Protein backbone atom coordinates (compact mmCIF):
# COMPACT_ATOMS: atom_id res chain seq x y z
CA UNK A 1 -6.20 9.66 -24.51
CA UNK A 2 -8.37 10.28 -21.47
CA UNK A 3 -9.21 6.65 -20.76
CA UNK A 4 -5.51 5.92 -20.15
CA UNK A 5 -5.30 8.81 -17.70
CA UNK A 6 -8.48 7.69 -15.93
CA UNK A 7 -7.17 4.12 -15.60
CA UNK A 8 -3.87 5.45 -14.24
CA UNK A 9 -5.71 7.48 -11.59
CA UNK A 10 -7.81 4.45 -10.66
CA UNK A 11 -4.70 2.30 -10.34
CA UNK A 12 -3.04 4.88 -8.07
CA UNK A 13 -6.13 4.91 -5.87
CA UNK A 14 -6.34 1.12 -5.91
CA UNK A 15 -9.79 0.79 -7.45
CA UNK A 16 -11.14 -0.49 -10.74
CA UNK A 17 -12.58 1.92 -13.30
CA UNK A 18 -16.07 0.49 -12.74
CA UNK A 19 -15.77 0.90 -8.96
CA UNK A 20 -14.56 4.49 -9.33
CA UNK A 21 -17.47 5.34 -11.62
CA UNK A 22 -19.93 3.73 -9.22
CA UNK A 23 -18.40 5.57 -6.23
CA UNK A 24 -18.75 8.89 -8.06
CA UNK A 25 -22.38 8.15 -8.99
CA UNK A 26 -21.56 7.83 -12.69
CA UNK A 27 -22.55 5.21 -15.21
CA UNK A 28 -20.22 2.23 -15.12
CA UNK A 29 -20.17 2.21 -18.91
CA UNK A 30 -18.66 5.70 -19.00
CA UNK A 31 -15.09 4.36 -18.72
CA UNK A 32 -15.72 2.03 -21.67
CA UNK A 33 -17.16 4.93 -23.65
CA UNK A 34 -14.00 6.99 -23.09
CA UNK A 35 -11.93 4.07 -24.26
CA UNK A 36 -13.93 3.46 -27.44
CA UNK A 37 -14.21 7.08 -28.58
CA UNK A 38 -10.57 7.87 -27.79
CA UNK A 39 -10.95 11.65 -28.01
CA UNK A 40 -13.97 12.36 -25.82
CA UNK A 41 -13.29 14.14 -22.57
CA UNK A 42 -15.71 14.09 -19.68
CA UNK A 43 -18.08 16.97 -19.04
CA UNK A 44 -17.27 19.70 -16.53
CA UNK A 45 -19.69 18.11 -14.04
CA UNK A 46 -17.95 14.73 -14.31
CA UNK A 47 -14.53 16.38 -14.04
CA UNK A 48 -15.64 18.10 -10.85
CA UNK A 49 -16.78 14.77 -9.35
CA UNK A 50 -13.49 13.19 -10.37
CA UNK A 51 -11.57 16.07 -8.82
CA UNK A 52 -13.28 15.45 -5.49
CA UNK A 53 -12.98 11.67 -5.72
CA UNK A 54 -9.28 11.60 -6.61
CA UNK A 55 -8.40 14.72 -4.52
CA UNK A 56 -6.75 16.35 -7.51
CA UNK A 57 -7.27 19.53 -9.50
CA UNK A 58 -9.06 19.30 -12.85
CA UNK A 59 -5.78 20.12 -14.61
CA UNK A 60 -4.13 17.19 -12.87
CA UNK A 61 -6.99 14.90 -13.83
CA UNK A 62 -6.71 15.96 -17.47
CA UNK A 63 -2.96 15.39 -17.33
CA UNK A 64 -2.09 19.04 -18.01
CA UNK A 65 -0.17 19.28 -14.76
CA UNK A 66 1.77 16.31 -13.50
CA UNK A 67 1.04 15.73 -9.86
CA UNK A 68 3.55 14.33 -7.47
CA UNK A 69 2.45 12.47 -4.44
CA UNK A 70 3.64 14.22 -1.36
CA UNK A 71 5.50 12.05 1.05
CA UNK A 72 3.74 11.67 4.35
CA UNK A 73 5.39 13.54 7.21
CA UNK A 74 6.63 10.30 8.72
CA UNK A 75 8.10 9.03 5.43
CA UNK A 76 11.79 8.40 5.92
CA UNK A 77 12.80 7.62 2.34
CA UNK A 78 13.32 3.91 3.00
CA UNK A 79 11.49 1.17 1.16
CA UNK A 80 9.90 -1.80 2.90
CA UNK A 81 12.81 -3.90 1.68
CA UNK A 82 15.28 -1.45 3.22
CA UNK A 83 13.42 -1.60 6.53
CA UNK A 84 13.42 -5.41 6.48
CA UNK A 85 17.16 -5.46 5.73
CA UNK A 86 17.83 -3.05 8.60
CA UNK A 87 15.73 -5.14 11.00
CA UNK A 88 17.53 -8.32 9.94
CA UNK A 89 20.95 -6.71 10.37
CA UNK A 90 19.94 -5.26 13.73
CA UNK A 91 18.78 -8.64 15.02
CA UNK A 92 22.01 -10.28 13.84
CA UNK A 93 24.14 -7.59 15.50
CA UNK A 94 22.21 -7.77 18.77
CA UNK A 95 22.41 -11.57 18.83
CA UNK A 96 26.17 -11.38 18.27
CA UNK A 97 26.53 -8.87 21.13
CA UNK A 98 24.38 -10.86 23.53
CA UNK A 99 26.10 -14.16 22.71
CA UNK A 100 29.60 -12.72 23.06
CA UNK A 101 29.06 -11.71 26.68
CA UNK A 102 30.47 -8.25 26.01
CA UNK A 103 27.43 -6.33 27.26
CA UNK A 104 28.89 -5.33 30.63
CA UNK A 105 29.08 -2.03 32.47
CA UNK A 106 31.64 -1.79 35.28
CA UNK A 107 31.80 -5.59 35.42
CA UNK A 108 28.02 -6.01 35.79
CA UNK A 109 25.76 -7.36 33.05
CA UNK A 110 23.88 -4.68 31.12
CA UNK A 111 20.35 -3.96 32.28
CA UNK A 112 17.42 -4.55 29.91
CA UNK A 113 17.00 -0.76 29.64
CA UNK A 114 20.63 -0.38 28.58
CA UNK A 115 20.23 -3.14 26.00
CA UNK A 116 17.12 -1.39 24.62
CA UNK A 117 19.06 1.87 24.40
CA UNK A 118 21.86 0.14 22.51
CA UNK A 119 19.31 -1.47 20.16
CA UNK A 120 17.64 1.90 19.47
CA UNK A 121 20.95 3.64 18.85
CA UNK A 122 22.08 0.91 16.46
CA UNK A 123 18.73 1.03 14.62
CA UNK A 124 19.06 4.78 14.11
CA UNK A 125 22.65 4.37 12.93
CA UNK A 126 21.70 1.63 10.44
CA UNK A 127 18.81 3.73 9.07
CA UNK A 128 21.01 6.79 8.71
CA UNK A 129 23.74 4.79 6.98
CA UNK A 130 21.17 3.28 4.58
CA UNK A 131 19.80 6.73 3.68
CA UNK A 132 23.27 8.22 3.14
CA UNK A 133 24.37 5.26 1.02
CA UNK A 134 21.19 5.36 -1.09
CA UNK A 135 21.74 9.05 -1.75
CA UNK A 136 25.45 8.67 -2.46
CA UNK A 137 25.43 5.52 -4.56
CA UNK A 138 22.13 5.71 -6.47
CA UNK A 139 22.85 6.69 -10.09
CA UNK A 140 21.29 9.99 -11.19
CA UNK A 141 19.09 8.31 -13.78
CA UNK A 142 17.21 6.49 -10.99
CA UNK A 143 16.74 9.53 -8.76
CA UNK A 144 13.36 11.24 -8.93
C-alpha cells in the first residue's frame, strides 16, 4: 500500500509525513487519505513533487524499483561502533607504548612527529584489520 511506502521514504529522510507534505506544498491530510483508502496512488503531479523532494525516480517512489543508497565517497565500510572500538584500542596501545619507555630511536626519545606517525600507521592498520575481519567473518546471511 502506498502509505507504507511514503512513510518509509519519510523515515529515510528523517521527516514526518506531515512535514514532508508541507515541504512539498501538499495538503497535510493527504498522507492520512492514502492510509485510509489503502489503494489510492497519488496523481502524476504529486509523484513529480515527491520525486524532486526525495531525489528518487517515480518508479522508486512507487516501489517498482528498489533503490539502494549509494555510499558516500568517503564511506569506509565501518560503523560508528567500529570506529569507537578502533579509537579505544588505539589509545590503549599508544598509552602502553608511551608508558613502557620503548619509543626510542638510536637511544634518543621519539619526537612528537615520530609518535604521530606511529599513531597514524597503527590507526590505518587497525581499520584495515577491522574491514578484513568483517568481510571474512560476517555470515553470508548478514551481508548486503
